[in-house]
């Protein structure tokens, strides 16, 4: 996909990766861009910066996502690219409260299901469309210190795979899986102690956007701003037990405060 003349919707578009994508889509010549975010003030600021449509949207609510699709379609006539980018991170494991599990599940995963539910019909009717989901390397590997993040990101990747298998090649699907990115999520360490280990190799949201543009042009399923992630995935596939043992060692280093590289 080339963005020139296209209409793109980006959730979580007021900050971080989402905002960098909106800016880059504008540079690439998108005909219409919809910036969607729960923060109405920053959403309006981000939209005004690039002449986009601002839509306040809480992706944890299906009704908001339906309204987002309806407003974008009413304004621009169609949606060519829907980017499910909004996400959160929390720490913990089985002890995390049900309410926290439900919150991250709805934001990181069900929002993808609801977006597909409401945008796919128009794409299928045209026989053309693109869905991009921002998951994480954690969706291919794991996340030390945060079971909810690892689980929801794995689910995100699995659903994107299913969409591509079921509706491709007419509907294109890509899954963005970066490691550390200098966003509020990383800097505030929302996902737990592992975020410290991600910072040395972290990249900017603008660098992620560069990879996304190339990935969309090549219509690649996995977009990996940190290419080393592909090597880690291969190691995991070849010897799962050895990979888990390696992750345990990394976890021990992180908890001991000596850092380490996630793999």
C-alpha atoms as a PDB file:
ATOM      1  CA  UNK A   1       0.000   0.000   0.000  1.00  0.00           C
ATOM      2  CA  UNK A   2       1.075   3.510  -0.817  1.00  0.00           C
ATOM      3  CA  UNK A   3      -0.552   6.133   1.408  1.00  0.00           C
ATOM      4  CA  UNK A   4      -1.014   8.770  -1.266  1.00  0.00           C
ATOM      5  CA  UNK A   5      -4.731   9.422  -1.747  1.00  0.00           C
ATOM      6  CA  UNK A   6      -5.717   6.986   1.012  1.00  0.00           C
ATOM      7  CA  UNK A   7      -7.834   7.413   4.146  1.00  0.00           C
ATOM      8  CA  UNK A   8      -6.273   6.205   7.392  1.00  0.00           C
ATOM      9  CA  UNK A   9      -7.658   5.924  10.924  1.00  0.00           C
ATOM     10  CA  UNK A  10      -5.221   5.665  13.837  1.00  0.00           C
ATOM     11  CA  UNK A  11      -6.257   4.856  17.400  1.00  0.00           C
ATOM     12  CA  UNK A  12      -3.936   6.089  20.104  1.00  0.00           C
ATOM     13  CA  UNK A  13      -3.068   8.735  17.548  1.00  0.00           C
ATOM     14  CA  UNK A  14      -2.396  11.610  19.919  1.00  0.00           C
ATOM     15  CA  UNK A  15       0.822  10.226  21.388  1.00  0.00           C
ATOM     16  CA  UNK A  16       3.869   8.110  20.735  1.00  0.00           C
ATOM     17  CA  UNK A  17       3.826   5.691  17.820  1.00  0.00           C
ATOM     18  CA  UNK A  18       0.292   6.689  16.858  1.00  0.00           C
ATOM     19  CA  UNK A  19       1.138  10.364  16.525  1.00  0.00           C
ATOM     20  CA  UNK A  20       4.308   9.592  14.564  1.00  0.00           C
ATOM     21  CA  UNK A  21       2.244   7.453  12.185  1.00  0.00           C
ATOM     22  CA  UNK A  22      -0.306  10.220  11.668  1.00  0.00           C
ATOM     23  CA  UNK A  23       2.428  12.725  10.866  1.00  0.00           C
ATOM     24  CA  UNK A  24       4.116  10.324   8.482  1.00  0.00           C
ATOM     25  CA  UNK A  25       0.851   9.420   6.728  1.00  0.00           C
ATOM     26  CA  UNK A  26       0.323  13.133   6.110  1.00  0.00           C
ATOM     27  CA  UNK A  27       3.819  13.447   4.618  1.00  0.00           C
ATOM     28  CA  UNK A  28       3.115  10.415   2.419  1.00  0.00           C
ATOM     29  CA  UNK A  29       0.093  12.168   0.924  1.00  0.00           C
ATOM     30  CA  UNK A  30      -2.876  10.532   2.626  1.00  0.00           C
ATOM     31  CA  UNK A  31      -6.141  12.130   1.506  1.00  0.00           C
ATOM     32  CA  UNK A  32      -7.710  11.818   4.926  1.00  0.00           C
ATOM     33  CA  UNK A  33      -6.353  11.031   8.385  1.00  0.00           C
ATOM     34  CA  UNK A  34      -8.415  10.426  11.497  1.00  0.00           C
ATOM     35  CA  UNK A  35      -6.655  10.882  14.826  1.00  0.00           C
ATOM     36  CA  UNK A  36      -8.486   8.926  17.512  1.00  0.00           C
ATOM     37  CA  UNK A  37      -7.538   8.958  21.186  1.00  0.00           C
ATOM     38  CA  UNK A  38      -9.125   9.036  24.624  1.00  0.00           C
ATOM     39  CA  UNK A  39      -7.379  12.340  25.416  1.00  0.00           C
ATOM     40  CA  UNK A  40      -9.620  14.837  23.639  1.00  0.00           C
ATOM     41  CA  UNK A  41      -7.295  17.825  24.082  1.00  0.00           C
ATOM     42  CA  UNK A  42      -4.188  16.130  22.694  1.00  0.00           C
ATOM     43  CA  UNK A  43      -6.268  14.488  19.977  1.00  0.00           C
ATOM     44  CA  UNK A  44      -7.420  17.878  18.756  1.00  0.00           C
ATOM     45  CA  UNK A  45      -3.864  19.251  18.908  1.00  0.00           C
ATOM     46  CA  UNK A  46      -2.486  16.298  16.929  1.00  0.00           C
ATOM     47  CA  UNK A  47      -5.234  16.574  14.330  1.00  0.00           C
ATOM     48  CA  UNK A  48      -4.853  20.321  13.869  1.00  0.00           C
ATOM     49  CA  UNK A  49      -1.116  19.911  13.343  1.00  0.00           C
ATOM     50  CA  UNK A  50      -1.665  17.884  10.156  1.00  0.00           C
ATOM     51  CA  UNK A  51      -5.150  18.978   9.072  1.00  0.00           C
ATOM     52  CA  UNK A  52      -6.765  15.725  10.193  1.00  0.00           C
ATOM     53  CA  UNK A  53     -10.115  14.810  11.729  1.00  0.00           C
ATOM     54  CA  UNK A  54     -10.047  14.473  15.516  1.00  0.00           C
ATOM     55  CA  UNK A  55     -12.301  11.884  17.172  1.00  0.00           C
ATOM     56  CA  UNK A  56     -12.304  11.329  20.912  1.00  0.00           C
ATOM     57  CA  UNK A  57     -12.460   7.571  21.346  1.00  0.00           C
ATOM     58  CA  UNK A  58     -12.204   5.177  24.284  1.00  0.00           C
ATOM     59  CA  UNK A  59     -11.184   1.930  22.583  1.00  0.00           C
ATOM     60  CA  UNK A  60     -12.229  -0.096  25.627  1.00  0.00           C
ATOM     61  CA  UNK A  61     -15.820   0.531  24.501  1.00  0.00           C
ATOM     62  CA  UNK A  62     -17.167  -1.045  21.335  1.00  0.00           C
ATOM     63  CA  UNK A  63     -19.688   1.778  20.903  1.00  0.00           C
ATOM     64  CA  UNK A  64     -16.832   4.292  20.663  1.00  0.00           C
ATOM     65  CA  UNK A  65     -15.056   2.273  17.993  1.00  0.00           C
ATOM     66  CA  UNK A  66     -18.260   1.934  15.984  1.00  0.00           C
ATOM     67  CA  UNK A  67     -18.765   5.686  16.234  1.00  0.00           C
ATOM     68  CA  UNK A  68     -15.162   6.234  15.109  1.00  0.00           C
ATOM     69  CA  UNK A  69     -15.671   4.096  12.011  1.00  0.00           C
ATOM     70  CA  UNK A  70     -18.980   5.795  11.261  1.00  0.00           C
ATOM     71  CA  UNK A  71     -17.564   9.324  11.632  1.00  0.00           C
ATOM     72  CA  UNK A  72     -14.498   8.561   9.525  1.00  0.00           C
ATOM     73  CA  UNK A  73     -16.603   6.980   6.796  1.00  0.00           C
ATOM     74  CA  UNK A  74     -19.105   9.828   6.819  1.00  0.00           C
ATOM     75  CA  UNK A  75     -16.304  12.385   6.491  1.00  0.00           C
ATOM     76  CA  UNK A  76     -14.155  10.674   3.865  1.00  0.00           C
ATOM     77  CA  UNK A  77     -16.454   8.129   2.218  1.00  0.00           C
ATOM     78  CA  UNK A  78     -14.400   5.084   3.169  1.00  0.00           C
ATOM     79  CA  UNK A  79     -11.518   3.804   5.283  1.00  0.00           C
ATOM     80  CA  UNK A  80      -8.540   2.365   3.398  1.00  0.00           C
ATOM     81  CA  UNK A  81      -6.293   1.710   6.394  1.00  0.00           C
ATOM     82  CA  UNK A  82      -7.365   1.137   9.988  1.00  0.00           C
ATOM     83  CA  UNK A  83      -4.539   1.202  12.518  1.00  0.00           C
ATOM     84  CA  UNK A  84      -5.390  -0.383  15.868  1.00  0.00           C
ATOM     85  CA  UNK A  85      -2.562   1.191  17.807  1.00  0.00           C
ATOM     86  CA  UNK A  86      -3.939   2.176  21.225  1.00  0.00           C
ATOM     87  CA  UNK A  87      -2.617   0.094  24.080  1.00  0.00           C
ATOM     88  CA  UNK A  88      -1.614   0.084  27.731  1.00  0.00           C
ATOM     89  CA  UNK A  89       0.791  -1.829  29.958  1.00  0.00           C
ATOM     90  CA  UNK A  90       0.404  -3.011  33.526  1.00  0.00           C
ATOM     91  CA  UNK A  91       2.659  -5.166  35.646  1.00  0.00           C
ATOM     92  CA  UNK A  92       1.945  -8.321  37.574  1.00  0.00           C
ATOM     93  CA  UNK A  93       0.837 -11.858  36.965  1.00  0.00           C
ATOM     94  CA  UNK A  94      -1.915 -14.105  38.241  1.00  0.00           C
ATOM     95  CA  UNK A  95      -2.274 -11.863  41.281  1.00  0.00           C
ATOM     96  CA  UNK A  96      -3.329  -8.871  39.175  1.00  0.00           C
ATOM     97  CA  UNK A  97      -6.946  -7.995  39.832  1.00  0.00           C
ATOM     98  CA  UNK A  98      -9.744  -9.130  37.547  1.00  0.00           C
ATOM     99  CA  UNK A  99     -10.557  -5.499  36.841  1.00  0.00           C
ATOM    100  CA  UNK A 100      -6.997  -4.834  35.621  1.00  0.00           C
ATOM    101  CA  UNK A 101      -7.023  -7.971  33.467  1.00  0.00           C
ATOM    102  CA  UNK A 102     -10.345  -6.906  31.982  1.00  0.00           C
ATOM    103  CA  UNK A 103      -9.138  -3.352  31.334  1.00  0.00           C
ATOM    104  CA  UNK A 104      -5.984  -4.373  29.486  1.00  0.00           C
ATOM    105  CA  UNK A 105      -7.833  -7.164  27.658  1.00  0.00           C
ATOM    106  CA  UNK A 106     -10.393  -4.724  26.289  1.00  0.00           C
ATOM    107  CA  UNK A 107      -7.867  -2.070  25.305  1.00  0.00           C
ATOM    108  CA  UNK A 108      -5.070  -4.264  23.942  1.00  0.00           C
ATOM    109  CA  UNK A 109      -7.171  -6.994  22.367  1.00  0.00           C
ATOM    110  CA  UNK A 110     -10.935  -6.569  22.170  1.00  0.00           C
ATOM    111  CA  UNK A 111     -10.448  -3.158  20.584  1.00  0.00           C
ATOM    112  CA  UNK A 112      -8.893  -5.018  17.640  1.00  0.00           C
ATOM    113  CA  UNK A 113     -11.870  -7.346  17.406  1.00  0.00           C
ATOM    114  CA  UNK A 114     -14.337  -4.471  17.556  1.00  0.00           C
ATOM    115  CA  UNK A 115     -12.412  -2.489  14.945  1.00  0.00           C
ATOM    116  CA  UNK A 116     -12.455  -5.446  12.568  1.00  0.00           C
ATOM    117  CA  UNK A 117     -16.135  -6.055  13.268  1.00  0.00           C
ATOM    118  CA  UNK A 118     -17.055  -2.539  12.171  1.00  0.00           C
ATOM    119  CA  UNK A 119     -14.515  -1.732   9.448  1.00  0.00           C
ATOM    120  CA  UNK A 120     -14.329  -5.085   7.654  1.00  0.00           C
ATOM    121  CA  UNK A 121     -17.809  -4.979   6.099  1.00  0.00           C
ATOM    122  CA  UNK A 122     -16.994  -1.945   3.944  1.00  0.00           C
ATOM    123  CA  UNK A 123     -13.565  -3.336   3.057  1.00  0.00           C
ATOM    124  CA  UNK A 124     -14.993  -6.720   2.087  1.00  0.00           C
ATOM    125  CA  UNK A 125     -17.707  -5.053   0.025  1.00  0.00           C
ATOM    126  CA  UNK A 126     -15.018  -3.178  -1.936  1.00  0.00           C
ATOM    127  CA  UNK A 127     -12.678  -6.161  -2.021  1.00  0.00           C
ATOM    128  CA  UNK A 128      -9.882  -3.976  -0.713  1.00  0.00           C
ATOM    129  CA  UNK A 129      -8.596  -2.642   2.586  1.00  0.00           C
ATOM    130  CA  UNK A 130      -5.741  -2.748   5.073  1.00  0.00           C
ATOM    131  CA  UNK A 131      -5.655  -3.414   8.820  1.00  0.00           C
ATOM    132  CA  UNK A 132      -2.517  -2.668  10.814  1.00  0.00           C
ATOM    133  CA  UNK A 133      -2.298  -3.723  14.446  1.00  0.00           C
ATOM    134  CA  UNK A 134       0.352  -2.449  16.833  1.00  0.00           C
ATOM    135  CA  UNK A 135       1.257  -5.437  18.948  1.00  0.00           C
ATOM    136  CA  UNK A 136       4.765  -5.810  20.389  1.00  0.00           C
ATOM    137  CA  UNK A 137       7.754  -8.098  20.368  1.00  0.00           C
ATOM    138  CA  UNK A 138       6.097  -9.326  23.566  1.00  0.00           C
ATOM    139  CA  UNK A 139       3.378 -10.786  21.364  1.00  0.00           C
ATOM    140  CA  UNK A 140       5.945 -12.994  19.652  1.00  0.00           C
ATOM    141  CA  UNK A 141       8.166 -13.622  22.662  1.00  0.00           C
ATOM    142  CA  UNK A 142       7.014 -12.643  26.155  1.00  0.00           C
ATOM    143  CA  UNK A 143       7.173  -9.829  28.691  1.00  0.00           C
ATOM    144  CA  UNK A 144       9.111 -10.200  31.909  1.00  0.00           C
ATOM    145  CA  UNK A 145       7.151  -8.818  34.825  1.00  0.00           C
ATOM    146  CA  UNK A 146       3.814  -8.490  33.044  1.00  0.00           C
ATOM    147  CA  UNK A 147       1.612 -11.455  32.275  1.00  0.00           C
ATOM    148  CA  UNK A 148      -1.328  -9.242  31.196  1.00  0.00           C
ATOM    149  CA  UNK A 149       0.830  -7.449  28.631  1.00  0.00           C
ATOM    150  CA  UNK A 150       2.344 -10.657  27.247  1.00  0.00           C
ATOM    151  CA  UNK A 151      -1.014 -12.411  27.026  1.00  0.00           C
ATOM    152  CA  UNK A 152      -2.902  -9.570  25.364  1.00  0.00           C
ATOM    153  CA  UNK A 153      -0.122  -8.936  22.860  1.00  0.00           C
ATOM    154  CA  UNK A 154       0.020 -12.632  21.963  1.00  0.00           C
ATOM    155  CA  UNK A 155      -3.729 -12.488  21.394  1.00  0.00           C
ATOM    156  CA  UNK A 156      -3.282  -9.415  19.216  1.00  0.00           C
ATOM    157  CA  UNK A 157      -0.784 -11.240  16.975  1.00  0.00           C
ATOM    158  CA  UNK A 158      -2.992 -14.342  16.816  1.00  0.00           C
ATOM    159  CA  UNK A 159      -6.053 -12.344  15.761  1.00  0.00           C
ATOM    160  CA  UNK A 160      -4.064 -10.480  13.101  1.00  0.00           C
ATOM    161  CA  UNK A 161      -2.842 -13.816  11.747  1.00  0.00           C
ATOM    162  CA  UNK A 162      -6.403 -15.115  11.640  1.00  0.00           C
ATOM    163  CA  UNK A 163      -7.638 -12.023   9.826  1.00  0.00           C
ATOM    164  CA  UNK A 164      -4.902 -12.351   7.217  1.00  0.00           C
ATOM    165  CA  UNK A 165      -5.521 -16.052   6.687  1.00  0.00           C
ATOM    166  CA  UNK A 166      -9.289 -15.650   6.511  1.00  0.00           C
ATOM    167  CA  UNK A 167      -9.641 -12.465   4.470  1.00  0.00           C
ATOM    168  CA  UNK A 168      -6.408 -12.267   2.489  1.00  0.00           C
ATOM    169  CA  UNK A 169      -5.254 -11.485  -0.057  1.00  0.00           C
ATOM    170  CA  UNK A 170      -8.064  -8.988  -0.698  1.00  0.00           C
ATOM    171  CA  UNK A 171      -7.735  -7.566   2.811  1.00  0.00           C
ATOM    172  CA  UNK A 172      -4.135  -6.869   3.763  1.00  0.00           C
ATOM    173  CA  UNK A 173      -3.056  -7.255   7.379  1.00  0.00           C
ATOM    174  CA  UNK A 174       0.173  -6.240   9.086  1.00  0.00           C
ATOM    175  CA  UNK A 175       1.256  -6.650  12.689  1.00  0.00           C
ATOM    176  CA  UNK A 176       3.752  -4.172  14.109  1.00  0.00           C
ATOM    177  CA  UNK A 177       5.978  -5.770  16.761  1.00  0.00           C
ATOM    178  CA  UNK A 178       8.665  -3.420  18.088  1.00  0.00           C
ATOM    179  CA  UNK A 179      10.741  -3.846  21.218  1.00  0.00           C
ATOM    180  CA  UNK A 180      11.578  -0.681  23.128  1.00  0.00           C
ATOM    181  CA  UNK A 181      10.243   2.590  21.738  1.00  0.00           C
ATOM    182  CA  UNK A 182      10.684   5.949  23.441  1.00  0.00           C
ATOM    183  CA  UNK A 183       7.034   6.511  24.337  1.00  0.00           C
ATOM    184  CA  UNK A 184       5.257   7.372  27.573  1.00  0.00           C
ATOM    185  CA  UNK A 185       4.685   3.657  28.144  1.00  0.00           C
ATOM    186  CA  UNK A 186       8.396   2.884  28.147  1.00  0.00           C
ATOM    187  CA  UNK A 187       9.518   5.947  30.044  1.00  0.00           C
ATOM    188  CA  UNK A 188       6.938   5.455  32.777  1.00  0.00           C
ATOM    189  CA  UNK A 189       7.863   1.768  33.116  1.00  0.00           C
ATOM    190  CA  UNK A 190       4.216   0.710  33.028  1.00  0.00           C
ATOM    191  CA  UNK A 191       5.037  -2.864  32.064  1.00  0.00           C
ATOM    192  CA  UNK A 192       7.369  -3.468  35.009  1.00  0.00           C
ATOM    193  CA  UNK A 193      11.125  -3.900  35.506  1.00  0.00           C
ATOM    194  CA  UNK A 194      11.734  -5.245  31.999  1.00  0.00           C
ATOM    195  CA  UNK A 195      11.273  -1.765  30.552  1.00  0.00           C
ATOM    196  CA  UNK A 196      14.665  -0.789  31.998  1.00  0.00           C
ATOM    197  CA  UNK A 197      16.327  -3.496  29.890  1.00  0.00           C
ATOM    198  CA  UNK A 198      14.547  -2.233  26.762  1.00  0.00           C
ATOM    199  CA  UNK A 199      15.760   1.360  26.961  1.00  0.00           C
ATOM    200  CA  UNK A 200      19.368   0.932  25.702  1.00  0.00           C
ATOM    201  CA  UNK A 201      18.150  -0.365  22.333  1.00  0.00           C
ATOM    202  CA  UNK A 202      14.971   1.701  22.178  1.00  0.00           C
ATOM    203  CA  UNK A 203      14.189   3.701  19.044  1.00  0.00           C
ATOM    204  CA  UNK A 204      12.063   6.757  18.404  1.00  0.00           C
ATOM    205  CA  UNK A 205       8.411   6.667  17.300  1.00  0.00           C
ATOM    206  CA  UNK A 206       9.528   8.358  14.087  1.00  0.00           C
ATOM    207  CA  UNK A 207      11.894   5.471  13.354  1.00  0.00           C
ATOM    208  CA  UNK A 208       9.022   3.053  13.922  1.00  0.00           C
ATOM    209  CA  UNK A 209       6.935   5.048  11.436  1.00  0.00           C
ATOM    210  CA  UNK A 210       9.708   4.646   8.849  1.00  0.00           C
ATOM    211  CA  UNK A 211       9.530   0.874   9.240  1.00  0.00           C
ATOM    212  CA  UNK A 212       5.746   0.961   8.991  1.00  0.00           C
ATOM    213  CA  UNK A 213       5.814   2.859   5.708  1.00  0.00           C
ATOM    214  CA  UNK A 214       8.217   0.294   4.258  1.00  0.00           C
ATOM    215  CA  UNK A 215       6.197  -2.593   5.677  1.00  0.00           C
ATOM    216  CA  UNK A 216       2.953  -1.287   4.207  1.00  0.00           C
ATOM    217  CA  UNK A 217       4.610  -0.764   0.826  1.00  0.00           C
ATOM    218  CA  UNK A 218       5.814  -4.378   0.869  1.00  0.00           C
ATOM    219  CA  UNK A 219       2.545  -5.579   2.453  1.00  0.00           C
ATOM    220  CA  UNK A 220       4.524  -7.592   4.989  1.00  0.00           C
ATOM    221  CA  UNK A 221       2.609  -9.316   7.769  1.00  0.00           C
ATOM    222  CA  UNK A 222       5.263  -8.817  10.446  1.00  0.00           C
ATOM    223  CA  UNK A 223       6.786  -5.359  10.678  1.00  0.00           C
ATOM    224  CA  UNK A 224       9.837  -5.589  12.939  1.00  0.00           C
ATOM    225  CA  UNK A 225      11.540  -2.255  13.707  1.00  0.00           C
ATOM    226  CA  UNK A 226      14.057  -4.297  15.741  1.00  0.00           C
ATOM    227  CA  UNK A 227      15.168  -6.962  13.212  1.00  0.00           C
ATOM    228  CA  UNK A 228      16.837  -8.991  15.988  1.00  0.00           C
ATOM    229  CA  UNK A 229      13.328 -10.000  17.089  1.00  0.00           C
ATOM    230  CA  UNK A 230      13.123 -12.333  14.082  1.00  0.00           C
ATOM    231  CA  UNK A 231      16.230 -14.123  15.334  1.00  0.00           C
ATOM    232  CA  UNK A 232      14.745 -14.456  18.806  1.00  0.00           C
ATOM    233  CA  UNK A 233      11.548 -15.901  17.350  1.00  0.00           C
ATOM    234  CA  UNK A 234      13.584 -18.442  15.397  1.00  0.00           C
ATOM    235  CA  UNK A 235      15.445 -19.461  18.538  1.00  0.00           C
ATOM    236  CA  UNK A 236      12.168 -19.911  20.341  1.00  0.00           C
ATOM    237  CA  UNK A 237      10.779 -22.080  17.551  1.00  0.00           C
ATOM    238  CA  UNK A 238      13.867 -24.285  17.303  1.00  0.00           C
ATOM    239  CA  UNK A 239      14.226 -25.043  21.020  1.00  0.00           C
ATOM    240  CA  UNK A 240      11.425 -23.759  23.216  1.00  0.00           C
ATOM    241  CA  UNK A 241      12.881 -25.190  26.427  1.00  0.00           C
ATOM    242  CA  UNK A 242      16.251 -23.555  25.825  1.00  0.00           C
ATOM    243  CA  UNK A 243      14.531 -20.257  25.051  1.00  0.00           C
ATOM    244  CA  UNK A 244      12.548 -20.383  28.296  1.00  0.00           C
ATOM    245  CA  UNK A 245      15.723 -21.166  30.225  1.00  0.00           C
ATOM    246  CA  UNK A 246      17.356 -18.145  28.613  1.00  0.00           C
ATOM    247  CA  UNK A 247      14.402 -15.949  29.545  1.00  0.00           C
ATOM    248  CA  UNK A 248      14.696 -17.102  33.154  1.00  0.00           C
ATOM    249  CA  UNK A 249      18.331 -16.021  33.198  1.00  0.00           C
ATOM    250  CA  UNK A 250      17.439 -12.630  31.768  1.00  0.00           C
ATOM    251  CA  UNK A 251      14.689 -12.235  34.335  1.00  0.00           C
ATOM    252  CA  UNK A 252      17.146 -12.998  37.126  1.00  0.00           C
ATOM    253  CA  UNK A 253      19.547 -10.343  35.802  1.00  0.00           C
ATOM    254  CA  UNK A 254      16.789  -7.776  35.533  1.00  0.00           C
ATOM    255  CA  UNK A 255      15.496  -8.450  39.023  1.00  0.00           C
ATOM    256  CA  UNK A 256      19.068  -8.264  40.322  1.00  0.00           C
ATOM    257  CA  UNK A 257      19.367  -4.840  38.732  1.00  0.00           C
ATOM    258  CA  UNK A 258      22.099  -5.712  36.239  1.00  0.00           C
ATOM    259  CA  UNK A 259      19.935  -5.355  33.153  1.00  0.00           C
ATOM    260  CA  UNK A 260      20.022  -7.685  30.188  1.00  0.00           C
ATOM    261  CA  UNK A 261      18.712  -7.979  26.658  1.00  0.00           C
ATOM    262  CA  UNK A 262      15.247  -9.396  26.183  1.00  0.00           C
ATOM    263  CA  UNK A 263      15.131 -12.416  23.864  1.00  0.00           C
END
